[in-house]
Protein backbone atom coordinates (compact mmCIF):
# COMPACT_ATOMS: atom_id res chain seq x y z
CA MET A 1 75.85 39.35 108.12
CA ARG A 2 76.89 42.97 108.61
CA ARG A 3 78.69 44.05 111.76
CA LEU A 4 77.38 47.18 113.45
CA LEU A 5 79.11 49.30 116.06
CA LYS A 6 77.31 49.86 119.35
CA ALA A 7 79.73 52.62 120.30
CA GLN A 8 80.51 54.67 117.25
CA ALA A 9 83.81 56.41 117.99
CA LEU A 10 87.16 54.69 117.59
CA ILE A 11 90.37 56.56 118.38
CA PHE A 12 93.76 55.29 117.23
CA PHE A 13 96.97 56.29 118.99
CA GLY A 14 100.47 55.23 118.13
CA PRO A 15 103.91 56.79 117.72
CA PRO A 16 105.36 57.56 114.28
CA GLY A 17 106.10 54.25 112.58
CA ALA A 18 103.68 52.20 114.69
CA GLY A 19 101.37 51.63 111.72
CA LYS A 20 98.23 53.18 113.18
CA GLY A 21 97.18 54.51 109.78
CA THR A 22 97.45 51.04 108.26
CA GLN A 23 95.41 49.50 111.08
CA ALA A 24 92.81 52.26 111.03
CA GLN A 25 92.33 51.65 107.32
CA ALA A 26 91.88 47.91 107.92
CA VAL A 27 89.14 48.60 110.48
CA SER A 28 87.59 51.16 108.14
CA VAL A 29 87.23 48.51 105.44
CA ALA A 30 86.00 45.83 107.87
CA PHE A 31 83.21 48.00 109.30
CA GLY A 32 82.50 50.38 106.45
CA ILE A 33 83.21 53.53 108.45
CA PRO A 34 85.47 56.46 107.52
CA HIS A 35 89.07 56.81 108.66
CA ILE A 36 89.55 60.49 109.51
CA SER A 37 93.05 61.87 109.99
CA THR A 38 93.59 65.30 111.50
CA GLY A 39 95.88 66.40 108.68
CA GLU A 40 93.40 65.50 105.96
CA MET A 41 90.55 67.06 107.94
CA LEU A 42 92.38 70.38 108.30
CA ARG A 43 93.55 70.45 104.68
CA GLU A 44 90.03 69.81 103.44
CA ALA A 45 88.58 72.60 105.61
CA VAL A 46 91.24 74.98 104.26
CA ARG A 47 90.58 73.87 100.67
CA LEU A 48 86.82 74.34 101.05
CA GLY A 49 87.32 77.77 102.55
CA THR A 50 85.04 77.24 105.54
CA PRO A 51 85.21 79.91 108.27
CA LEU A 52 87.07 77.52 110.56
CA GLY A 53 89.27 76.38 107.69
CA LEU A 54 90.25 79.97 106.91
CA ALA A 55 90.99 80.58 110.60
CA ALA A 56 93.20 77.47 110.64
CA LYS A 57 94.96 78.57 107.45
CA GLU A 58 95.73 81.99 108.92
CA ARG A 59 97.36 80.45 111.97
CA MET A 60 99.30 77.84 110.02
CA GLU A 61 100.66 80.43 107.60
CA SER A 62 101.80 82.61 110.50
CA GLY A 63 103.55 79.64 112.10
CA GLU A 64 101.14 79.46 115.03
CA LEU A 65 99.56 76.34 116.45
CA VAL A 66 95.93 75.88 115.48
CA SER A 67 93.91 76.32 118.66
CA ASP A 68 91.90 73.57 120.31
CA GLU A 69 88.74 75.57 119.59
CA ILE A 70 89.38 75.66 115.83
CA VAL A 71 90.50 72.03 115.53
CA SER A 72 87.58 70.82 117.64
CA GLY A 73 85.14 72.87 115.57
CA ILE A 74 86.48 71.42 112.33
CA ALA A 75 86.24 67.92 113.83
CA ALA A 76 82.63 68.52 114.87
CA GLU A 77 81.74 69.62 111.33
CA ARG A 78 83.42 66.53 109.85
CA LEU A 79 81.71 64.12 112.26
CA ALA A 80 78.31 65.59 111.41
CA ARG A 81 78.49 64.28 107.84
CA PRO A 82 76.31 61.36 106.73
CA ASP A 83 79.24 58.95 106.28
CA CYS A 84 79.89 59.13 110.05
CA GLN A 85 76.33 58.18 110.98
CA THR A 86 77.17 54.62 112.01
CA GLY A 87 80.69 55.25 113.28
CA PHE A 88 84.10 56.67 112.48
CA ILE A 89 87.81 56.30 113.22
CA LEU A 90 89.84 59.26 114.45
CA ASP A 91 93.58 59.33 113.75
CA GLY A 92 95.39 62.32 115.27
CA PHE A 93 92.41 63.78 117.13
CA PRO A 94 92.25 64.45 120.01
CA ARG A 95 95.80 65.67 120.64
CA THR A 96 95.25 67.58 123.87
CA ILE A 97 93.20 67.11 127.01
CA GLY A 98 91.04 70.05 125.92
CA GLN A 99 90.24 68.33 122.63
CA ALA A 100 89.51 65.07 124.47
CA ASP A 101 87.07 66.88 126.80
CA PHE A 102 85.35 68.46 123.78
CA LEU A 103 85.03 65.10 122.03
CA GLU A 104 83.60 63.47 125.15
CA ARG A 105 80.89 66.15 125.38
CA LEU A 106 80.14 65.90 121.67
CA LEU A 107 79.75 62.11 121.76
CA ARG A 108 77.52 62.33 124.81
CA GLU A 109 75.30 64.97 123.18
CA GLN A 110 74.99 62.84 120.04
CA GLY A 111 74.25 59.66 122.00
CA ARG A 112 77.13 57.81 120.38
CA GLY A 113 78.51 56.24 123.55
CA ALA A 114 82.02 56.30 124.96
CA PRO A 115 84.88 55.90 122.50
CA LEU A 116 87.10 52.86 122.18
CA VAL A 117 90.73 53.97 122.22
CA ILE A 118 93.31 51.68 120.64
CA TYR A 119 96.97 52.29 121.41
CA ILE A 120 99.38 50.50 119.08
CA HIS A 121 102.53 50.01 121.11
CA VAL A 122 105.92 49.44 119.51
CA GLU A 123 109.29 49.60 121.28
CA SER A 124 111.34 52.68 120.45
CA TRP A 125 114.27 50.72 118.97
CA VAL A 126 111.91 49.02 116.52
CA LEU A 127 110.42 52.38 115.55
CA LEU A 128 113.91 53.72 114.90
CA LYS A 129 114.63 50.84 112.53
CA ARG A 130 111.27 51.17 110.79
CA LEU A 131 111.73 54.89 110.21
CA SER A 132 115.48 55.25 109.73
CA GLY A 133 115.51 52.24 107.40
CA ARG A 134 112.80 53.66 105.16
CA ARG A 135 113.80 54.47 101.58
CA THR A 136 111.63 55.75 98.76
CA CYS A 137 112.00 55.49 95.01
CA PRO A 138 111.74 59.03 93.56
CA ILE A 139 110.36 57.66 90.28
CA CYS A 140 107.76 54.98 91.09
CA GLY A 141 107.19 55.87 94.74
CA ARG A 142 107.77 52.37 96.08
CA ILE A 143 108.82 52.31 99.74
CA TYR A 144 111.48 49.92 101.05
CA ASN A 145 112.98 49.28 104.47
CA MET A 146 116.67 48.47 104.63
CA TYR A 147 116.12 46.23 107.68
CA PHE A 148 112.79 44.54 106.99
CA ASP A 149 112.12 44.85 103.23
CA PRO A 150 115.37 45.77 101.45
CA PRO A 151 115.81 46.08 97.68
CA LYS A 152 117.70 43.37 95.82
CA VAL A 153 120.56 45.79 95.16
CA ASP A 154 121.54 48.06 98.04
CA GLU A 155 119.90 51.53 97.81
CA VAL A 156 118.54 50.84 94.29
CA CYS A 157 114.88 50.39 93.31
CA ASP A 158 114.00 46.89 92.08
CA ILE A 159 111.51 48.27 89.56
CA ASP A 160 113.28 51.07 87.70
CA GLY A 161 116.87 51.08 89.00
CA ALA A 162 116.62 54.55 90.49
CA ALA A 163 118.73 55.51 93.48
CA LEU A 164 116.58 55.42 96.60
CA VAL A 165 116.21 58.51 98.77
CA THR A 166 115.79 59.13 102.49
CA ARG A 167 113.27 61.76 103.55
CA ALA A 168 114.56 64.54 105.80
CA ASP A 169 112.22 63.52 108.61
CA ASP A 170 113.54 59.95 108.44
CA LYS A 171 117.01 61.00 109.57
CA GLU A 172 117.81 59.58 113.03
CA VAL A 173 118.02 62.96 114.79
CA ALA A 174 114.65 64.03 113.36
CA ILE A 175 113.11 60.67 114.27
CA ARG A 176 114.21 60.94 117.89
CA GLN A 177 112.77 64.44 118.07
CA ARG A 178 109.44 63.21 116.65
CA LEU A 179 109.31 60.30 119.10
CA ASP A 180 110.17 62.52 122.06
CA ALA A 181 107.50 65.04 121.06
CA TYR A 182 104.94 62.27 120.69
CA GLU A 183 105.66 60.99 124.19
CA VAL A 184 105.28 64.45 125.70
CA LEU A 185 102.04 65.20 123.87
CA THR A 186 100.43 61.77 124.03
CA ARG A 187 101.23 60.42 127.48
CA PRO A 188 98.59 62.62 129.23
CA LEU A 189 95.96 61.45 126.73
CA LEU A 190 96.76 57.79 127.27
CA ASP A 191 96.37 58.33 131.02
CA TYR A 192 93.15 60.30 130.38
CA TYR A 193 91.54 57.33 128.62
CA ARG A 194 93.15 54.68 130.80
CA VAL A 195 91.50 55.95 134.00
CA ARG A 196 88.17 55.93 132.12
CA HIS A 197 88.72 52.26 131.18
CA GLN A 198 88.47 53.13 127.50
CA LEU A 199 92.06 52.35 126.49
CA TRP A 200 93.19 49.08 124.91
CA GLU A 201 96.80 48.36 124.05
CA VAL A 202 97.79 46.26 121.05
CA ASP A 203 101.25 44.89 120.31
CA GLY A 204 102.29 46.56 117.05
CA ASP A 205 105.67 44.81 116.81
CA ARG A 206 104.36 42.18 114.40
CA ALA A 207 103.43 41.80 110.77
CA PRO A 208 100.70 44.30 109.77
CA ALA A 209 98.26 41.50 108.91
CA GLU A 210 98.63 39.96 112.38
CA VAL A 211 98.08 43.31 114.09
CA ALA A 212 95.05 44.02 111.89
CA ARG A 213 93.51 40.66 112.79
CA ASP A 214 93.80 41.39 116.50
CA VAL A 215 92.55 44.97 116.18
CA ILE A 216 89.48 43.92 114.19
CA GLU A 217 88.81 41.12 116.69
CA LEU A 218 89.09 43.62 119.53
CA VAL A 219 86.65 46.03 117.92
CA SER A 220 84.26 43.21 117.13
CA ARG A 221 84.36 41.87 120.67
CA GLU A 222 84.04 45.17 122.49
CA LEU A 223 81.77 47.22 120.27
CA ALA A 224 80.00 45.19 117.66
CA THR A 225 76.69 43.41 117.38
CA SER A 226 75.33 41.42 114.45
CA ALA A 227 72.44 42.65 112.38
């Protein structure tokens, strides 16, 4: 029996390291709807050379922020594709109140219903450990965590013996800057959806499979019917 979404827009929020991409992908598989990240959406528009993609490219290359108008236009083009007909998951859009207002109007015009917004909450100290403890093998690409999933030999890949590396944005100073920026940018959006009774909070400080189970159950309970 296939599960169908009554409301067709799911929005995932979560700070860096919360695992929102992992959870969005689990819901994507469970319901057969696309997981759309802002970064991938913008890169594709640039690669295809669409008018909005070229406008975004020009601003990114000049070091400017891509305007709400351009990002929203690219999102509207992406959501008009056939694979979004029965629903979609947005990861990284909206990022501003202006983008949220645009999305609300778009969903209303398309008769899709109000979005379900899922906020994956993880305490900041856990995020610091998840991100600062992350190590990557430069040869095979395997990712470890020195706190939660360490290699057998300290700082050495189990598979090929290569010395593990730490990405520049996984340094503690950079992580704190990313988390602070997320709070500043995201807090107004959480309040925006909370007052509309569209926001649900999920405890992300658990094993990914446990979080995925609860997220899928939440989506099923709030938005799904059987067909």
